[in-house]
Amino acid sequence: MLRRPLRLLLSFVMAMSFAWAGTLATAGTAHADGCYTWSRTLSQGASGADVTQLQIRVAGYPGSGAVLAIDGAYGPGTAAAVKRFQSAYGLAADGVAGPGTFSKLYALQDDDCTPVHFSYAELNDCNTTWAGGAVDATTAKSNALRTMWKLEALRHALGDKPITVTSGFRSQACNSSVGGAASSRHLYGDAADLAAGANSLCALDLEARNHGFNGILGPGYPDHGDHAHVDHRPSRFWSAPNCGI
């Protein structure tokens, strides 16, 4: 397997070769890795699968208390999230996703589309199939991917300090074995329990309010004194009394 720097260098060389040959018609279409390549600049009014892919990656930048819809439509919410993402990484914050924005996203993702600091294995210590939860395996894995991108945004906002995930997706059997609630969001693949470490539990819970999580639980909430919990439940429920939430 090629290491990331070499892979990116080879992709750059290939892209430049195509450009000189006159076949690279649109800026930003160079294939940066094995995950996904955007072939056009995106702005308000655009729609399609490429917008959905962008939304998944900037869903951690919806603004305080907000959640970005992953609907394939580039509306004001997506433009605002793109602006926050751009600002977070020192890019021109214009809300338009072009070559500079895509280059940063390419640098932040691995070939399986997960962000570089998180992996599917971290979000599933239950089984390798993602089956047996409250949703089908494909949905559970997709939910976990969205969780990881929000965690990547959370990590960056906290100074790029490591975040340790102690529990992610659970099948019904795995959830029962750890005494999880019958309605646990872990069964949907969209929840993550985070350990204290480089960041305190309260720091994780407090900052999570800015990164698209409807569910936030932590110290002071029953059975959550030793971890911060985040999820994507349909409506907001935040409770970490010892942290002022």
C-alpha atoms as a PDB file:
ATOM      1  CA  MET A   1       0.000   0.000   0.000  1.00  0.00           C
ATOM      2  CA  LEU A   2       1.332   3.420  -0.918  1.00  0.00           C
ATOM      3  CA  ARG A   3       1.814   5.834   1.922  1.00  0.00           C
ATOM      4  CA  ARG A   4      -0.359   8.963   1.773  1.00  0.00           C
ATOM      5  CA  PRO A   5       2.418  11.454   0.817  1.00  0.00           C
ATOM      6  CA  LEU A   6       3.553   9.250  -2.076  1.00  0.00           C
ATOM      7  CA  ARG A   7       0.001   8.578  -3.175  1.00  0.00           C
ATOM      8  CA  LEU A   8      -0.824  12.280  -3.194  1.00  0.00           C
ATOM      9  CA  LEU A   9       2.405  13.090  -5.060  1.00  0.00           C
ATOM     10  CA  LEU A  10       1.629  10.499  -7.730  1.00  0.00           C
ATOM     11  CA  SER A  11      -1.919  11.824  -8.056  1.00  0.00           C
ATOM     12  CA  PHE A  12      -0.584  15.357  -8.467  1.00  0.00           C
ATOM     13  CA  VAL A  13       1.878  14.283 -11.177  1.00  0.00           C
ATOM     14  CA  MET A  14      -0.858  12.417 -13.037  1.00  0.00           C
ATOM     15  CA  ALA A  15      -3.197  15.383 -12.807  1.00  0.00           C
ATOM     16  CA  MET A  16      -0.547  17.729 -14.180  1.00  0.00           C
ATOM     17  CA  SER A  17       0.118  15.354 -17.067  1.00  0.00           C
ATOM     18  CA  PHE A  18      -3.544  15.309 -17.996  1.00  0.00           C
ATOM     19  CA  ALA A  19      -3.731  19.072 -17.747  1.00  0.00           C
ATOM     20  CA  TRP A  20      -0.853  19.534 -20.185  1.00  0.00           C
ATOM     21  CA  ALA A  21      -2.560  17.080 -22.527  1.00  0.00           C
ATOM     22  CA  GLY A  22      -5.658  19.248 -22.487  1.00  0.00           C
ATOM     23  CA  THR A  23      -7.893  16.580 -20.979  1.00  0.00           C
ATOM     24  CA  LEU A  24      -8.385  18.114 -17.536  1.00  0.00           C
ATOM     25  CA  ALA A  25     -11.212  20.491 -18.307  1.00  0.00           C
ATOM     26  CA  THR A  26     -12.233  21.628 -14.825  1.00  0.00           C
ATOM     27  CA  ALA A  27     -10.003  22.803 -11.989  1.00  0.00           C
ATOM     28  CA  GLY A  28     -10.081  20.518  -8.958  1.00  0.00           C
ATOM     29  CA  THR A  29     -10.890  17.271 -10.769  1.00  0.00           C
ATOM     30  CA  ALA A  30      -7.533  15.603 -10.061  1.00  0.00           C
ATOM     31  CA  HIS A  31      -8.163  12.281  -8.350  1.00  0.00           C
ATOM     32  CA  ALA A  32      -6.511  12.726  -4.971  1.00  0.00           C
ATOM     33  CA  ASP A  33      -7.076   9.281  -3.487  1.00  0.00           C
ATOM     34  CA  GLY A  34      -9.183   6.160  -3.667  1.00  0.00           C
ATOM     35  CA  CYS A  35     -12.270   7.631  -2.032  1.00  0.00           C
ATOM     36  CA  TYR A  36     -14.062  10.346  -3.997  1.00  0.00           C
ATOM     37  CA  THR A  37     -13.262  13.030  -6.557  1.00  0.00           C
ATOM     38  CA  TRP A  38     -15.257  16.203  -7.063  1.00  0.00           C
ATOM     39  CA  SER A  39     -15.404  17.244 -10.700  1.00  0.00           C
ATOM     40  CA  ARG A  40     -16.977  20.690 -10.409  1.00  0.00           C
ATOM     41  CA  THR A  41     -17.039  23.727  -8.161  1.00  0.00           C
ATOM     42  CA  LEU A  42     -20.090  23.686  -5.888  1.00  0.00           C
ATOM     43  CA  SER A  43     -22.077  26.646  -4.611  1.00  0.00           C
ATOM     44  CA  GLN A  44     -25.622  27.547  -3.578  1.00  0.00           C
ATOM     45  CA  GLY A  45     -28.184  26.158  -5.978  1.00  0.00           C
ATOM     46  CA  ALA A  46     -26.172  23.041  -6.832  1.00  0.00           C
ATOM     47  CA  SER A  47     -27.581  19.596  -6.126  1.00  0.00           C
ATOM     48  CA  GLY A  48     -26.565  16.003  -6.585  1.00  0.00           C
ATOM     49  CA  ALA A  49     -24.460  13.201  -5.164  1.00  0.00           C
ATOM     50  CA  ASP A  50     -21.357  15.399  -5.126  1.00  0.00           C
ATOM     51  CA  VAL A  51     -23.168  17.854  -2.828  1.00  0.00           C
ATOM     52  CA  THR A  52     -24.121  14.966  -0.536  1.00  0.00           C
ATOM     53  CA  GLN A  53     -20.489  13.860  -0.351  1.00  0.00           C
ATOM     54  CA  LEU A  54     -19.468  17.405   0.537  1.00  0.00           C
ATOM     55  CA  GLN A  55     -22.182  17.709   3.190  1.00  0.00           C
ATOM     56  CA  ILE A  56     -21.036  14.523   4.908  1.00  0.00           C
ATOM     57  CA  ARG A  57     -17.563  16.019   5.280  1.00  0.00           C
ATOM     58  CA  VAL A  58     -18.608  19.477   6.495  1.00  0.00           C
ATOM     59  CA  ALA A  59     -21.463  18.276   8.714  1.00  0.00           C
ATOM     60  CA  GLY A  60     -19.287  19.027  11.720  1.00  0.00           C
ATOM     61  CA  TYR A  61     -19.478  22.758  10.964  1.00  0.00           C
ATOM     62  CA  PRO A  62     -23.211  23.614  11.152  1.00  0.00           C
ATOM     63  CA  GLY A  63     -22.892  26.279  13.833  1.00  0.00           C
ATOM     64  CA  SER A  64     -23.749  26.183  17.530  1.00  0.00           C
ATOM     65  CA  GLY A  65     -26.704  23.921  18.264  1.00  0.00           C
ATOM     66  CA  ALA A  66     -27.430  23.286  14.590  1.00  0.00           C
ATOM     67  CA  VAL A  67     -27.448  20.123  12.500  1.00  0.00           C
ATOM     68  CA  LEU A  68     -26.664  20.161   8.781  1.00  0.00           C
ATOM     69  CA  ALA A  69     -29.116  18.265   6.577  1.00  0.00           C
ATOM     70  CA  ILE A  70     -27.444  15.686   4.348  1.00  0.00           C
ATOM     71  CA  ASP A  71     -29.886  16.062   1.471  1.00  0.00           C
ATOM     72  CA  GLY A  72     -27.825  16.735  -1.653  1.00  0.00           C
ATOM     73  CA  ALA A  73     -29.078  20.321  -1.922  1.00  0.00           C
ATOM     74  CA  TYR A  74     -26.541  23.150  -1.581  1.00  0.00           C
ATOM     75  CA  GLY A  75     -28.575  25.685   0.355  1.00  0.00           C
ATOM     76  CA  PRO A  76     -27.666  28.440   2.850  1.00  0.00           C
ATOM     77  CA  GLY A  77     -26.940  25.920   5.608  1.00  0.00           C
ATOM     78  CA  THR A  78     -24.412  24.077   3.477  1.00  0.00           C
ATOM     79  CA  ALA A  79     -22.801  27.334   2.352  1.00  0.00           C
ATOM     80  CA  ALA A  80     -22.472  28.423   5.996  1.00  0.00           C
ATOM     81  CA  ALA A  81     -20.968  25.068   6.973  1.00  0.00           C
ATOM     82  CA  VAL A  82     -18.475  25.297   4.101  1.00  0.00           C
ATOM     83  CA  LYS A  83     -17.518  28.805   5.269  1.00  0.00           C
ATOM     84  CA  ARG A  84     -16.862  27.539   8.798  1.00  0.00           C
ATOM     85  CA  PHE A  85     -14.829  24.631   7.455  1.00  0.00           C
ATOM     86  CA  GLN A  86     -12.810  26.954   5.253  1.00  0.00           C
ATOM     87  CA  SER A  87     -12.181  29.352   8.139  1.00  0.00           C
ATOM     88  CA  ALA A  88     -11.152  26.492  10.436  1.00  0.00           C
ATOM     89  CA  TYR A  89      -8.423  25.497   7.994  1.00  0.00           C
ATOM     90  CA  GLY A  90      -7.246  28.950   6.947  1.00  0.00           C
ATOM     91  CA  LEU A  91      -8.915  28.986   3.541  1.00  0.00           C
ATOM     92  CA  ALA A  92     -10.750  31.889   1.928  1.00  0.00           C
ATOM     93  CA  ALA A  93     -14.155  31.624   3.591  1.00  0.00           C
ATOM     94  CA  ASP A  94     -16.540  32.302   0.694  1.00  0.00           C
ATOM     95  CA  GLY A  95     -18.911  29.355   1.088  1.00  0.00           C
ATOM     96  CA  VAL A  96     -18.021  28.062  -2.366  1.00  0.00           C
ATOM     97  CA  ALA A  97     -16.480  24.598  -2.556  1.00  0.00           C
ATOM     98  CA  GLY A  98     -13.742  24.726  -5.156  1.00  0.00           C
ATOM     99  CA  PRO A  99     -10.226  23.328  -5.641  1.00  0.00           C
ATOM    100  CA  GLY A 100      -8.834  24.720  -2.377  1.00  0.00           C
ATOM    101  CA  THR A 101     -11.655  23.288  -0.301  1.00  0.00           C
ATOM    102  CA  PHE A 102     -11.510  19.937  -2.064  1.00  0.00           C
ATOM    103  CA  SER A 103      -7.743  19.732  -1.646  1.00  0.00           C
ATOM    104  CA  LYS A 104      -8.121  20.117   2.102  1.00  0.00           C
ATOM    105  CA  LEU A 105     -10.842  17.460   2.173  1.00  0.00           C
ATOM    106  CA  TYR A 106      -8.645  15.101   0.154  1.00  0.00           C
ATOM    107  CA  ALA A 107      -5.864  15.634   2.682  1.00  0.00           C
ATOM    108  CA  LEU A 108      -8.248  14.861   5.536  1.00  0.00           C
ATOM    109  CA  GLN A 109      -9.620  11.573   4.215  1.00  0.00           C
ATOM    110  CA  ASP A 110      -8.361   8.052   3.742  1.00  0.00           C
ATOM    111  CA  ASP A 111      -9.099   5.812   0.775  1.00  0.00           C
ATOM    112  CA  ASP A 112     -12.190   4.366   2.486  1.00  0.00           C
ATOM    113  CA  CYS A 113     -13.636   7.896   2.927  1.00  0.00           C
ATOM    114  CA  THR A 114     -13.063   7.961   6.684  1.00  0.00           C
ATOM    115  CA  PRO A 115     -11.291  11.017   8.113  1.00  0.00           C
ATOM    116  CA  VAL A 116      -7.609  10.451   8.773  1.00  0.00           C
ATOM    117  CA  HIS A 117      -7.878  10.410  12.576  1.00  0.00           C
ATOM    118  CA  PHE A 118     -10.750   7.906  12.850  1.00  0.00           C
ATOM    119  CA  SER A 119     -11.552   4.491  11.403  1.00  0.00           C
ATOM    120  CA  TYR A 120     -14.427   2.089  10.966  1.00  0.00           C
ATOM    121  CA  ALA A 121     -12.708  -0.271  13.398  1.00  0.00           C
ATOM    122  CA  GLU A 122     -12.815   2.396  16.110  1.00  0.00           C
ATOM    123  CA  LEU A 123     -16.541   2.919  15.562  1.00  0.00           C
ATOM    124  CA  ASN A 124     -17.339  -0.795  15.683  1.00  0.00           C
ATOM    125  CA  ASP A 125     -15.805  -3.057  18.303  1.00  0.00           C
ATOM    126  CA  CYS A 126     -18.855  -5.328  18.129  1.00  0.00           C
ATOM    127  CA  ASN A 127     -18.572  -7.187  14.822  1.00  0.00           C
ATOM    128  CA  THR A 128     -17.186  -6.738  11.331  1.00  0.00           C
ATOM    129  CA  THR A 129     -20.479  -6.888   9.457  1.00  0.00           C
ATOM    130  CA  TRP A 130     -22.371  -3.941  11.013  1.00  0.00           C
ATOM    131  CA  ALA A 131     -25.398  -6.245  11.230  1.00  0.00           C
ATOM    132  CA  GLY A 132     -27.767  -6.917  14.101  1.00  0.00           C
ATOM    133  CA  GLY A 133     -28.557  -3.371  15.172  1.00  0.00           C
ATOM    134  CA  ALA A 134     -31.727  -1.296  14.890  1.00  0.00           C
ATOM    135  CA  VAL A 135     -31.032  -0.512  11.209  1.00  0.00           C
ATOM    136  CA  ASP A 136     -29.580  -2.486   8.317  1.00  0.00           C
ATOM    137  CA  ALA A 137     -25.814  -2.883   8.116  1.00  0.00           C
ATOM    138  CA  THR A 138     -25.368  -0.411   5.248  1.00  0.00           C
ATOM    139  CA  THR A 139     -27.209   2.317   7.141  1.00  0.00           C
ATOM    140  CA  ALA A 140     -25.322   1.642  10.366  1.00  0.00           C
ATOM    141  CA  LYS A 141     -21.982   1.936   8.589  1.00  0.00           C
ATOM    142  CA  SER A 142     -23.082   5.088   6.767  1.00  0.00           C
ATOM    143  CA  ASN A 143     -24.188   6.611  10.065  1.00  0.00           C
ATOM    144  CA  ALA A 144     -20.804   5.799  11.570  1.00  0.00           C
ATOM    145  CA  LEU A 145     -19.029   7.571   8.701  1.00  0.00           C
ATOM    146  CA  ARG A 146     -21.033  10.736   9.354  1.00  0.00           C
ATOM    147  CA  THR A 147     -20.205  10.466  13.052  1.00  0.00           C
ATOM    148  CA  MET A 148     -16.499  10.238  12.255  1.00  0.00           C
ATOM    149  CA  TRP A 149     -16.512  13.408  10.171  1.00  0.00           C
ATOM    150  CA  LYS A 150     -18.213  15.277  12.993  1.00  0.00           C
ATOM    151  CA  LEU A 151     -15.629  13.887  15.393  1.00  0.00           C
ATOM    152  CA  GLU A 152     -12.885  15.092  13.040  1.00  0.00           C
ATOM    153  CA  ALA A 153     -14.343  18.604  13.263  1.00  0.00           C
ATOM    154  CA  LEU A 154     -14.572  18.298  17.046  1.00  0.00           C
ATOM    155  CA  ARG A 155     -10.966  17.120  17.226  1.00  0.00           C
ATOM    156  CA  HIS A 156      -9.749  20.030  15.122  1.00  0.00           C
ATOM    157  CA  ALA A 157     -11.684  22.561  17.203  1.00  0.00           C
ATOM    158  CA  LEU A 158     -10.024  21.181  20.349  1.00  0.00           C
ATOM    159  CA  GLY A 159      -6.550  21.832  18.993  1.00  0.00           C
ATOM    160  CA  ASP A 160      -6.121  18.558  17.101  1.00  0.00           C
ATOM    161  CA  LYS A 161      -5.663  16.662  20.340  1.00  0.00           C
ATOM    162  CA  PRO A 162      -6.367  12.922  20.058  1.00  0.00           C
ATOM    163  CA  ILE A 163      -9.877  11.704  20.823  1.00  0.00           C
ATOM    164  CA  THR A 164     -10.364   8.120  21.976  1.00  0.00           C
ATOM    165  CA  VAL A 165     -13.580   6.335  21.002  1.00  0.00           C
ATOM    166  CA  THR A 166     -14.480   3.625  23.515  1.00  0.00           C
ATOM    167  CA  SER A 167     -17.764   2.468  21.969  1.00  0.00           C
ATOM    168  CA  GLY A 168     -19.539   2.927  18.674  1.00  0.00           C
ATOM    169  CA  PHE A 169     -21.924   0.647  16.797  1.00  0.00           C
ATOM    170  CA  ARG A 170     -23.490  -2.214  18.762  1.00  0.00           C
ATOM    171  CA  SER A 171     -25.653  -5.082  17.626  1.00  0.00           C
ATOM    172  CA  GLN A 172     -28.567  -6.023  19.866  1.00  0.00           C
ATOM    173  CA  ALA A 173     -26.425  -8.759  21.397  1.00  0.00           C
ATOM    174  CA  CYS A 174     -23.450  -6.456  22.007  1.00  0.00           C
ATOM    175  CA  ASN A 175     -25.693  -3.783  23.473  1.00  0.00           C
ATOM    176  CA  SER A 176     -27.301  -6.254  25.872  1.00  0.00           C
ATOM    177  CA  SER A 177     -23.921  -7.585  26.954  1.00  0.00           C
ATOM    178  CA  VAL A 178     -22.814  -4.133  28.147  1.00  0.00           C
ATOM    179  CA  GLY A 179     -26.141  -3.218  29.704  1.00  0.00           C
ATOM    180  CA  GLY A 180     -27.035  -0.635  27.074  1.00  0.00           C
ATOM    181  CA  ALA A 181     -30.484   0.918  26.935  1.00  0.00           C
ATOM    182  CA  ALA A 182     -32.983  -0.846  24.685  1.00  0.00           C
ATOM    183  CA  SER A 183     -33.297   2.357  22.646  1.00  0.00           C
ATOM    184  CA  SER A 184     -29.560   3.130  22.588  1.00  0.00           C
ATOM    185  CA  ARG A 185     -28.350   5.165  19.626  1.00  0.00           C
ATOM    186  CA  HIS A 186     -25.400   2.779  19.464  1.00  0.00           C
ATOM    187  CA  LEU A 187     -27.801   0.353  17.795  1.00  0.00           C
ATOM    188  CA  TYR A 188     -28.071   2.813  14.888  1.00  0.00           C
ATOM    189  CA  GLY A 189     -24.341   3.234  14.410  1.00  0.00           C
ATOM    190  CA  ASP A 190     -24.603   6.995  14.922  1.00  0.00           C
ATOM    191  CA  ALA A 191     -23.297   7.195  18.489  1.00  0.00           C
ATOM    192  CA  ALA A 192     -19.837   7.353  19.990  1.00  0.00           C
ATOM    193  CA  ASP A 193     -18.603   7.218  23.564  1.00  0.00           C
ATOM    194  CA  LEU A 194     -15.460   9.266  24.135  1.00  0.00           C
ATOM    195  CA  ALA A 195     -12.886   8.846  26.882  1.00  0.00           C
ATOM    196  CA  ALA A 196     -11.149  11.564  28.820  1.00  0.00           C
ATOM    197  CA  GLY A 197      -7.526  12.005  27.841  1.00  0.00           C
ATOM    198  CA  ALA A 198      -5.972  14.939  26.052  1.00  0.00           C
ATOM    199  CA  ASN A 199      -9.387  16.563  26.485  1.00  0.00           C
ATOM    200  CA  SER A 200     -11.556  16.449  29.585  1.00  0.00           C
ATOM    201  CA  LEU A 201     -15.028  14.960  29.342  1.00  0.00           C
ATOM    202  CA  CYS A 202     -16.559  18.384  29.865  1.00  0.00           C
ATOM    203  CA  ALA A 203     -14.375  19.889  27.133  1.00  0.00           C
ATOM    204  CA  LEU A 204     -15.624  17.196  24.746  1.00  0.00           C
ATOM    205  CA  ASP A 205     -19.273  17.681  25.701  1.00  0.00           C
ATOM    206  CA  LEU A 206     -19.156  21.466  25.616  1.00  0.00           C
ATOM    207  CA  GLU A 207     -17.445  21.674  22.230  1.00  0.00           C
ATOM    208  CA  ALA A 208     -19.675  18.961  20.749  1.00  0.00           C
ATOM    209  CA  ARG A 209     -22.540  21.473  20.867  1.00  0.00           C
ATOM    210  CA  ASN A 210     -20.920  23.237  17.901  1.00  0.00           C
ATOM    211  CA  HIS A 211     -20.446  20.174  15.704  1.00  0.00           C
ATOM    212  CA  GLY A 212     -23.820  18.807  14.736  1.00  0.00           C
ATOM    213  CA  PHE A 213     -24.672  16.378  17.529  1.00  0.00           C
ATOM    214  CA  ASN A 214     -28.298  16.277  18.650  1.00  0.00           C
ATOM    215  CA  GLY A 215     -27.456  13.921  21.503  1.00  0.00           C
ATOM    216  CA  ILE A 216     -24.824  14.891  24.075  1.00  0.00           C
ATOM    217  CA  LEU A 217     -24.541  13.152  27.442  1.00  0.00           C
ATOM    218  CA  GLY A 218     -21.825  13.316  30.058  1.00  0.00           C
ATOM    219  CA  PRO A 219     -20.849  13.808  33.699  1.00  0.00           C
ATOM    220  CA  GLY A 220     -23.886  14.280  35.907  1.00  0.00           C
ATOM    221  CA  TYR A 221     -26.171  12.269  33.629  1.00  0.00           C
ATOM    222  CA  PRO A 222     -26.861   8.751  34.998  1.00  0.00           C
ATOM    223  CA  ASP A 223     -24.167   6.207  34.095  1.00  0.00           C
ATOM    224  CA  HIS A 224     -22.151   8.765  32.092  1.00  0.00           C
ATOM    225  CA  GLY A 225     -19.636   9.883  34.674  1.00  0.00           C
ATOM    226  CA  ASP A 226     -16.729   8.197  32.896  1.00  0.00           C
ATOM    227  CA  HIS A 227     -17.346   9.149  29.266  1.00  0.00           C
ATOM    228  CA  ALA A 228     -18.815  11.731  26.925  1.00  0.00           C
ATOM    229  CA  HIS A 229     -21.527  10.431  24.627  1.00  0.00           C
ATOM    230  CA  VAL A 230     -22.515  11.993  21.289  1.00  0.00           C
ATOM    231  CA  ASP A 231     -25.106  10.865  18.755  1.00  0.00           C
ATOM    232  CA  HIS A 232     -27.468  11.884  15.933  1.00  0.00           C
ATOM    233  CA  ARG A 233     -30.890  11.270  17.501  1.00  0.00           C
ATOM    234  CA  PRO A 234     -33.807  12.970  15.675  1.00  0.00           C
ATOM    235  CA  SER A 235     -34.263  15.768  18.211  1.00  0.00           C
ATOM    236  CA  ARG A 236     -31.952  17.508  20.643  1.00  0.00           C
ATOM    237  CA  PHE A 237     -31.248  16.076  24.068  1.00  0.00           C
ATOM    238  CA  TRP A 238     -28.202  17.434  25.855  1.00  0.00           C
ATOM    239  CA  SER A 239     -27.491  16.529  29.476  1.00  0.00           C
ATOM    240  CA  ALA A 240     -24.151  16.799  31.222  1.00  0.00           C
ATOM    241  CA  PRO A 241     -25.106  18.694  34.401  1.00  0.00           C
ATOM    242  CA  ASN A 242     -21.620  18.636  35.871  1.00  0.00           C
ATOM    243  CA  CYS A 243     -20.414  20.453  32.765  1.00  0.00           C
ATOM    244  CA  GLY A 244     -23.164  23.052  32.792  1.00  0.00           C
ATOM    245  CA  ILE A 245     -25.195  21.412  30.014  1.00  0.00           C
END
